[in-house]
């Protein structure tokens, strides 16, 4: 396991704020994807929306996990 250098609180807080901003954009994207999926009739396109939503959810989980592990409060 690698030893990581200590990160000062102001730097952690700034990074967390930036990540929260990015996370908010991904949440807005999730709402749009859901809206477009509901409006889509073609099954192939619905599957694409589902995959896109899954990928977006995974990105949000990764960002959230990083915020907790590296920008903890």
PDB file of N, CA and C in Angstrom:
ATOM      1  N   UNK A   1       0.849  -1.177   0.000  1.00  0.00           N
ATOM      2  CA  UNK A   1       0.000   0.000   0.000  1.00  0.00           C
ATOM      3  C   UNK A   1       0.894   1.241   0.000  1.00  0.00           C
ATOM      4  N   UNK A   2       0.611   2.178  -0.871  1.00  0.00           N
ATOM      5  CA  UNK A   2       1.394   3.398  -0.969  1.00  0.00           C
ATOM      6  C   UNK A   2       1.001   4.372   0.137  1.00  0.00           C
ATOM      7  N   UNK A   3       1.983   5.061   0.656  1.00  0.00           N
ATOM      8  CA  UNK A   3       1.726   6.088   1.659  1.00  0.00           C
ATOM      9  C   UNK A   3       1.440   7.385   0.912  1.00  0.00           C
ATOM     10  N   UNK A   4       0.320   8.014   1.243  1.00  0.00           N
ATOM     11  CA  UNK A   4      -0.044   9.254   0.574  1.00  0.00           C
ATOM     12  C   UNK A   4       0.291  10.438   1.449  1.00  0.00           C
ATOM     13  N   UNK A   5       0.648  11.521   0.794  1.00  0.00           N
ATOM     14  CA  UNK A   5       0.988  12.746   1.509  1.00  0.00           C
ATOM     15  C   UNK A   5      -0.285  13.369   2.074  1.00  0.00           C
ATOM     16  N   UNK A   6      -0.181  13.924   3.259  1.00  0.00           N
ATOM     17  CA  UNK A   6      -1.312  14.582   3.902  1.00  0.00           C
ATOM     18  C   UNK A   6      -1.733  15.803   3.080  1.00  0.00           C
ATOM     19  N   UNK A   7      -3.033  15.953   2.910  1.00  0.00           N
ATOM     20  CA  UNK A   7      -3.589  17.080   2.169  1.00  0.00           C
ATOM     21  C   UNK A   7      -4.238  18.021   3.174  1.00  0.00           C
ATOM     22  N   UNK A   8      -3.882  19.291   3.117  1.00  0.00           N
ATOM     23  CA  UNK A   8      -4.421  20.279   4.045  1.00  0.00           C
ATOM     24  C   UNK A   8      -5.924  20.455   3.848  1.00  0.00           C
ATOM     25  N   UNK A   9      -6.612  20.784   4.955  1.00  0.00           N
ATOM     26  CA  UNK A   9      -8.072  20.930   4.960  1.00  0.00           C
ATOM     27  C   UNK A   9      -8.583  21.926   3.913  1.00  0.00           C
ATOM     28  N   UNK A  10      -8.006  23.112   3.741  1.00  0.00           N
ATOM     29  CA  UNK A  10      -8.534  24.041   2.732  1.00  0.00           C
ATOM     30  C   UNK A  10      -8.490  23.464   1.310  1.00  0.00           C
ATOM     31  N   UNK A  11      -7.456  22.694   1.022  1.00  0.00           N
ATOM     32  CA  UNK A  11      -7.348  22.068  -0.298  1.00  0.00           C
ATOM     33  C   UNK A  11      -8.417  20.991  -0.449  1.00  0.00           C
ATOM     34  N   UNK A  12      -8.623  20.194   0.603  1.00  0.00           N
ATOM     35  CA  UNK A  12      -9.676  19.170   0.573  1.00  0.00           C
ATOM     36  C   UNK A  12     -11.046  19.808   0.393  1.00  0.00           C
ATOM     37  N   UNK A  13     -11.289  20.899   1.114  1.00  0.00           N
ATOM     38  CA  UNK A  13     -12.588  21.569   1.012  1.00  0.00           C
ATOM     39  C   UNK A  13     -12.823  22.113  -0.390  1.00  0.00           C
ATOM     40  N   UNK A  14     -11.786  22.669  -0.992  1.00  0.00           N
ATOM     41  CA  UNK A  14     -11.912  23.202  -2.355  1.00  0.00           C
ATOM     42  C   UNK A  14     -12.201  22.065  -3.343  1.00  0.00           C
ATOM     43  N   UNK A  15     -11.488  20.968  -3.197  1.00  0.00           N
ATOM     44  CA  UNK A  15     -11.704  19.822  -4.097  1.00  0.00           C
ATOM     45  C   UNK A  15     -13.106  19.266  -3.913  1.00  0.00           C
ATOM     46  N   UNK A  16     -13.548  19.144  -2.687  1.00  0.00           N
ATOM     47  CA  UNK A  16     -14.894  18.628  -2.425  1.00  0.00           C
ATOM     48  C   UNK A  16     -15.949  19.540  -3.050  1.00  0.00           C
ATOM     49  N   UNK A  17     -15.774  20.846  -2.944  1.00  0.00           N
ATOM     50  CA  UNK A  17     -16.725  21.789  -3.540  1.00  0.00           C
ATOM     51  C   UNK A  17     -16.763  21.627  -5.056  1.00  0.00           C
ATOM     52  N   UNK A  18     -15.607  21.450  -5.656  1.00  0.00           N
ATOM     53  CA  UNK A  18     -15.555  21.247  -7.114  1.00  0.00           C
ATOM     54  C   UNK A  18     -16.256  19.948  -7.508  1.00  0.00           C
ATOM     55  N   UNK A  19     -15.990  18.902  -6.751  1.00  0.00           N
ATOM     56  CA  UNK A  19     -16.620  17.615  -7.062  1.00  0.00           C
ATOM     57  C   UNK A  19     -18.127  17.664  -6.840  1.00  0.00           C
ATOM     58  N   UNK A  20     -18.570  18.372  -5.827  1.00  0.00           N
ATOM     59  CA  UNK A  20     -20.012  18.530  -5.612  1.00  0.00           C
ATOM     60  C   UNK A  20     -20.654  19.258  -6.795  1.00  0.00           C
ATOM     61  N   UNK A  21     -19.950  20.237  -7.339  1.00  0.00           N
ATOM     62  CA  UNK A  21     -20.441  20.961  -8.520  1.00  0.00           C
ATOM     63  C   UNK A  21     -20.579  20.000  -9.710  1.00  0.00           C
ATOM     64  N   UNK A  22     -19.563  19.199  -9.944  1.00  0.00           N
ATOM     65  CA  UNK A  22     -19.597  18.215 -11.030  1.00  0.00           C
ATOM     66  C   UNK A  22     -20.708  17.202 -10.794  1.00  0.00           C
ATOM     67  N   UNK A  23     -20.833  16.735  -9.555  1.00  0.00           N
ATOM     68  CA  UNK A  23     -21.860  15.751  -9.213  1.00  0.00           C
ATOM     69  C   UNK A  23     -23.263  16.298  -9.487  1.00  0.00           C
ATOM     70  N   UNK A  24     -23.471  17.568  -9.221  1.00  0.00           N
ATOM     71  CA  UNK A  24     -24.766  18.190  -9.506  1.00  0.00           C
ATOM     72  C   UNK A  24     -25.082  18.129 -11.003  1.00  0.00           C
ATOM     73  N   UNK A  25     -24.091  18.334 -11.841  1.00  0.00           N
ATOM     74  CA  UNK A  25     -24.298  18.229 -13.289  1.00  0.00           C
ATOM     75  C   UNK A  25     -24.698  16.805 -13.681  1.00  0.00           C
ATOM     76  N   UNK A  26     -24.030  15.813 -13.099  1.00  0.00           N
ATOM     77  CA  UNK A  26     -24.378  14.421 -13.400  1.00  0.00           C
ATOM     78  C   UNK A  26     -25.796  14.085 -12.935  1.00  0.00           C
ATOM     79  N   UNK A  27     -26.222  14.663 -11.820  1.00  0.00           N
ATOM     80  CA  UNK A  27     -27.608  14.448 -11.360  1.00  0.00           C
ATOM     81  C   UNK A  27     -28.602  15.055 -12.359  1.00  0.00           C
ATOM     82  N   UNK A  28     -28.286  16.226 -12.866  1.00  0.00           N
ATOM     83  CA  UNK A  28     -29.149  16.850 -13.870  1.00  0.00           C
ATOM     84  C   UNK A  28     -29.190  16.015 -15.145  1.00  0.00           C
ATOM     85  N   UNK A  29     -28.063  15.451 -15.522  1.00  0.00           N
ATOM     86  CA  UNK A  29     -28.017  14.565 -16.689  1.00  0.00           C
ATOM     87  C   UNK A  29     -28.894  13.345 -16.450  1.00  0.00           C
ATOM     88  N   UNK A  30     -28.861  12.794 -15.240  1.00  0.00           N
ATOM     89  CA  UNK A  30     -29.684  11.623 -14.912  1.00  0.00           C
ATOM     90  C   UNK A  30     -31.164  11.936 -15.093  1.00  0.00           C
ATOM     91  N   UNK A  31     -31.578  13.118 -14.679  1.00  0.00           N
ATOM     92  CA  UNK A  31     -32.981  13.517 -14.840  1.00  0.00           C
ATOM     93  C   UNK A  31     -33.329  13.613 -16.323  1.00  0.00           C
ATOM     94  N   UNK A  32     -32.441  14.192 -17.113  1.00  0.00           N
ATOM     95  CA  UNK A  32     -32.691  14.309 -18.557  1.00  0.00           C
ATOM     96  C   UNK A  32     -32.770  12.943 -19.218  1.00  0.00           C
ATOM     97  N   UNK A  33     -31.838  12.066 -18.879  1.00  0.00           N
ATOM     98  CA  UNK A  33     -31.849  10.721 -19.463  1.00  0.00           C
ATOM     99  C   UNK A  33     -33.163  10.022 -19.145  1.00  0.00           C
ATOM    100  N   UNK A  34     -33.608  10.125 -17.901  1.00  0.00           N
ATOM    101  CA  UNK A  34     -34.862   9.478 -17.500  1.00  0.00           C
ATOM    102  C   UNK A  34     -36.041  10.050 -18.289  1.00  0.00           C
ATOM    103  N   UNK A  35     -36.065  11.359 -18.446  1.00  0.00           N
ATOM    104  CA  UNK A  35     -37.148  11.992 -19.193  1.00  0.00           C
ATOM    105  C   UNK A  35     -37.147  11.521 -20.648  1.00  0.00           C
ATOM    106  N   UNK A  36     -35.967  11.491 -21.275  1.00  0.00           N
ATOM    107  CA  UNK A  36     -35.879  11.059 -22.670  1.00  0.00           C
ATOM    108  C   UNK A  36     -36.237   9.586 -22.813  1.00  0.00           C
ATOM    109  N   UNK A  37     -35.848   8.765 -21.839  1.00  0.00           N
ATOM    110  CA  UNK A  37     -36.169   7.331 -21.893  1.00  0.00           C
ATOM    111  C   UNK A  37     -37.681   7.120 -21.900  1.00  0.00           C
ATOM    112  N   UNK A  38     -38.373   7.844 -21.043  1.00  0.00           N
ATOM    113  CA  UNK A  38     -39.829   7.721 -20.950  1.00  0.00           C
ATOM    114  C   UNK A  38     -40.496   8.127 -22.275  1.00  0.00           C
ATOM    115  N   UNK A  39     -39.903   9.070 -22.968  1.00  0.00           N
ATOM    116  CA  UNK A  39     -40.475   9.564 -24.227  1.00  0.00           C
ATOM    117  C   UNK A  39     -40.095   8.712 -25.429  1.00  0.00           C
ATOM    118  N   UNK A  40     -39.288   7.684 -25.224  1.00  0.00           N
ATOM    119  CA  UNK A  40     -38.758   6.872 -26.326  1.00  0.00           C
ATOM    120  C   UNK A  40     -39.554   5.585 -26.462  1.00  0.00           C
ATOM    121  N   UNK A  41     -39.967   5.292 -27.691  1.00  0.00           N
ATOM    122  CA  UNK A  41     -40.759   4.087 -27.938  1.00  0.00           C
ATOM    123  C   UNK A  41     -39.901   2.933 -28.467  1.00  0.00           C
ATOM    124  N   UNK A  42     -38.906   3.230 -29.251  1.00  0.00           N
ATOM    125  CA  UNK A  42     -38.081   2.198 -29.872  1.00  0.00           C
ATOM    126  C   UNK A  42     -37.254   1.467 -28.817  1.00  0.00           C
ATOM    127  N   UNK A  43     -37.374   0.135 -28.787  1.00  0.00           N
ATOM    128  CA  UNK A  43     -36.723  -0.672 -27.755  1.00  0.00           C
ATOM    129  C   UNK A  43     -35.192  -0.558 -27.792  1.00  0.00           C
ATOM    130  N   UNK A  44     -34.632  -0.475 -28.979  1.00  0.00           N
ATOM    131  CA  UNK A  44     -33.175  -0.326 -29.089  1.00  0.00           C
ATOM    132  C   UNK A  44     -32.718   0.975 -28.416  1.00  0.00           C
ATOM    133  N   UNK A  45     -33.464   2.037 -28.646  1.00  0.00           N
ATOM    134  CA  UNK A  45     -33.116   3.324 -28.058  1.00  0.00           C
ATOM    135  C   UNK A  45     -33.335   3.312 -26.536  1.00  0.00           C
ATOM    136  N   UNK A  46     -34.392   2.623 -26.107  1.00  0.00           N
ATOM    137  CA  UNK A  46     -34.648   2.501 -24.668  1.00  0.00           C
ATOM    138  C   UNK A  46     -33.477   1.787 -23.997  1.00  0.00           C
ATOM    139  N   UNK A  47     -32.972   0.733 -24.622  1.00  0.00           N
ATOM    140  CA  UNK A  47     -31.816   0.012 -24.071  1.00  0.00           C
ATOM    141  C   UNK A  47     -30.600   0.938 -23.991  1.00  0.00           C
ATOM    142  N   UNK A  48     -30.441   1.792 -25.009  1.00  0.00           N
ATOM    143  CA  UNK A  48     -29.330   2.734 -24.993  1.00  0.00           C
ATOM    144  C   UNK A  48     -29.468   3.712 -23.825  1.00  0.00           C
ATOM    145  N   UNK A  49     -30.686   4.243 -23.628  1.00  0.00           N
ATOM    146  CA  UNK A  49     -30.909   5.155 -22.496  1.00  0.00           C
ATOM    147  C   UNK A  49     -30.611   4.448 -21.182  1.00  0.00           C
ATOM    148  N   UNK A  50     -31.038   3.187 -21.076  1.00  0.00           N
ATOM    149  CA  UNK A  50     -30.768   2.415 -19.853  1.00  0.00           C
ATOM    150  C   UNK A  50     -29.262   2.270 -19.607  1.00  0.00           C
ATOM    151  N   UNK A  51     -28.510   1.968 -20.667  1.00  0.00           N
ATOM    152  CA  UNK A  51     -27.056   1.818 -20.529  1.00  0.00           C
ATOM    153  C   UNK A  51     -26.414   3.152 -20.164  1.00  0.00           C
ATOM    154  N   UNK A  52     -26.879   4.210 -20.809  1.00  0.00           N
ATOM    155  CA  UNK A  52     -26.353   5.536 -20.521  1.00  0.00           C
ATOM    156  C   UNK A  52     -26.622   5.916 -19.058  1.00  0.00           C
ATOM    157  N   UNK A  53     -27.826   5.600 -18.578  1.00  0.00           N
ATOM    158  CA  UNK A  53     -28.170   5.880 -17.179  1.00  0.00           C
ATOM    159  C   UNK A  53     -27.284   5.069 -16.238  1.00  0.00           C
ATOM    160  N   UNK A  54     -27.074   3.814 -16.576  1.00  0.00           N
ATOM    161  CA  UNK A  54     -26.202   2.958 -15.760  1.00  0.00           C
ATOM    162  C   UNK A  54     -24.795   3.544 -15.681  1.00  0.00           C
ATOM    163  N   UNK A  55     -24.260   3.954 -16.817  1.00  0.00           N
ATOM    164  CA  UNK A  55     -22.915   4.543 -16.847  1.00  0.00           C
ATOM    165  C   UNK A  55     -22.866   5.832 -16.030  1.00  0.00           C
ATOM    166  N   UNK A  56     -23.893   6.654 -16.148  1.00  0.00           N
ATOM    167  CA  UNK A  56     -23.961   7.898 -15.400  1.00  0.00           C
ATOM    168  C   UNK A  56     -24.041   7.618 -13.892  1.00  0.00           C
ATOM    169  N   UNK A  57     -24.834   6.630 -13.522  1.00  0.00           N
ATOM    170  CA  UNK A  57     -24.929   6.244 -12.102  1.00  0.00           C
ATOM    171  C   UNK A  57     -23.570   5.796 -11.570  1.00  0.00           C
ATOM    172  N   UNK A  58     -22.838   5.052 -12.383  1.00  0.00           N
ATOM    173  CA  UNK A  58     -21.520   4.580 -11.974  1.00  0.00           C
ATOM    174  C   UNK A  58     -20.560   5.756 -11.788  1.00  0.00           C
ATOM    175  N   UNK A  59     -20.607   6.716 -12.669  1.00  0.00           N
ATOM    176  CA  UNK A  59     -19.779   7.913 -12.516  1.00  0.00           C
ATOM    177  C   UNK A  59     -20.118   8.656 -11.226  1.00  0.00           C
ATOM    178  N   UNK A  60     -21.402   8.786 -10.938  1.00  0.00           N
ATOM    179  CA  UNK A  60     -21.807   9.470  -9.708  1.00  0.00           C
ATOM    180  C   UNK A  60     -21.325   8.707  -8.476  1.00  0.00           C
ATOM    181  N   UNK A  61     -21.391   7.383  -8.509  1.00  0.00           N
ATOM    182  CA  UNK A  61     -20.893   6.577  -7.388  1.00  0.00           C
ATOM    183  C   UNK A  61     -19.384   6.771  -7.214  1.00  0.00           C
ATOM    184  N   UNK A  62     -18.658   6.787  -8.316  1.00  0.00           N
ATOM    185  CA  UNK A  62     -17.204   6.963  -8.244  1.00  0.00           C
ATOM    186  C   UNK A  62     -16.830   8.330  -7.673  1.00  0.00           C
ATOM    187  N   UNK A  63     -17.510   9.359  -8.119  1.00  0.00           N
ATOM    188  CA  UNK A  63     -17.249  10.710  -7.606  1.00  0.00           C
ATOM    189  C   UNK A  63     -17.568  10.772  -6.119  1.00  0.00           C
ATOM    190  N   UNK A  64     -18.717  10.241  -5.743  1.00  0.00           N
ATOM    191  CA  UNK A  64     -19.118  10.258  -4.334  1.00  0.00           C
ATOM    192  C   UNK A  64     -18.130   9.494  -3.467  1.00  0.00           C
ATOM    193  N   UNK A  65     -17.714   8.347  -3.945  1.00  0.00           N
ATOM    194  CA  UNK A  65     -16.759   7.523  -3.194  1.00  0.00           C
ATOM    195  C   UNK A  65     -15.430   8.275  -3.023  1.00  0.00           C
ATOM    196  N   UNK A  66     -14.971   8.918  -4.078  1.00  0.00           N
ATOM    197  CA  UNK A  66     -13.729   9.670  -4.000  1.00  0.00           C
ATOM    198  C   UNK A  66     -13.858  10.821  -3.003  1.00  0.00           C
ATOM    199  N   UNK A  67     -15.003  11.506  -3.041  1.00  0.00           N
ATOM    200  CA  UNK A  67     -15.225  12.608  -2.108  1.00  0.00           C
ATOM    201  C   UNK A  67     -15.141  12.125  -0.663  1.00  0.00           C
ATOM    202  N   UNK A  68     -15.711  10.985  -0.386  1.00  0.00           N
ATOM    203  CA  UNK A  68     -15.706  10.444   0.982  1.00  0.00           C
ATOM    204  C   UNK A  68     -14.287  10.000   1.380  1.00  0.00           C
ATOM    205  N   UNK A  69     -13.607   9.330   0.469  1.00  0.00           N
ATOM    206  CA  UNK A  69     -12.309   8.761   0.814  1.00  0.00           C
ATOM    207  C   UNK A  69     -11.183   9.797   0.834  1.00  0.00           C
ATOM    208  N   UNK A  70     -11.194  10.741  -0.082  1.00  0.00           N
ATOM    209  CA  UNK A  70     -10.061  11.652  -0.212  1.00  0.00           C
ATOM    210  C   UNK A  70     -10.345  13.089   0.218  1.00  0.00           C
ATOM    211  N   UNK A  71     -11.608  13.455   0.338  1.00  0.00           N
ATOM    212  CA  UNK A  71     -11.969  14.829   0.716  1.00  0.00           C
ATOM    213  C   UNK A  71     -12.832  14.808   1.965  1.00  0.00           C
ATOM    214  N   UNK A  72     -12.648  13.802   2.779  1.00  0.00           N
ATOM    215  CA  UNK A  72     -13.494  13.598   3.951  1.00  0.00           C
ATOM    216  C   UNK A  72     -13.520  14.818   4.859  1.00  0.00           C
ATOM    217  N   UNK A  73     -14.565  14.885   5.617  1.00  0.00           N
ATOM    218  CA  UNK A  73     -14.704  16.009   6.553  1.00  0.00           C
ATOM    219  C   UNK A  73     -14.481  15.537   7.964  1.00  0.00           C
TER     220      UNK A  73
END
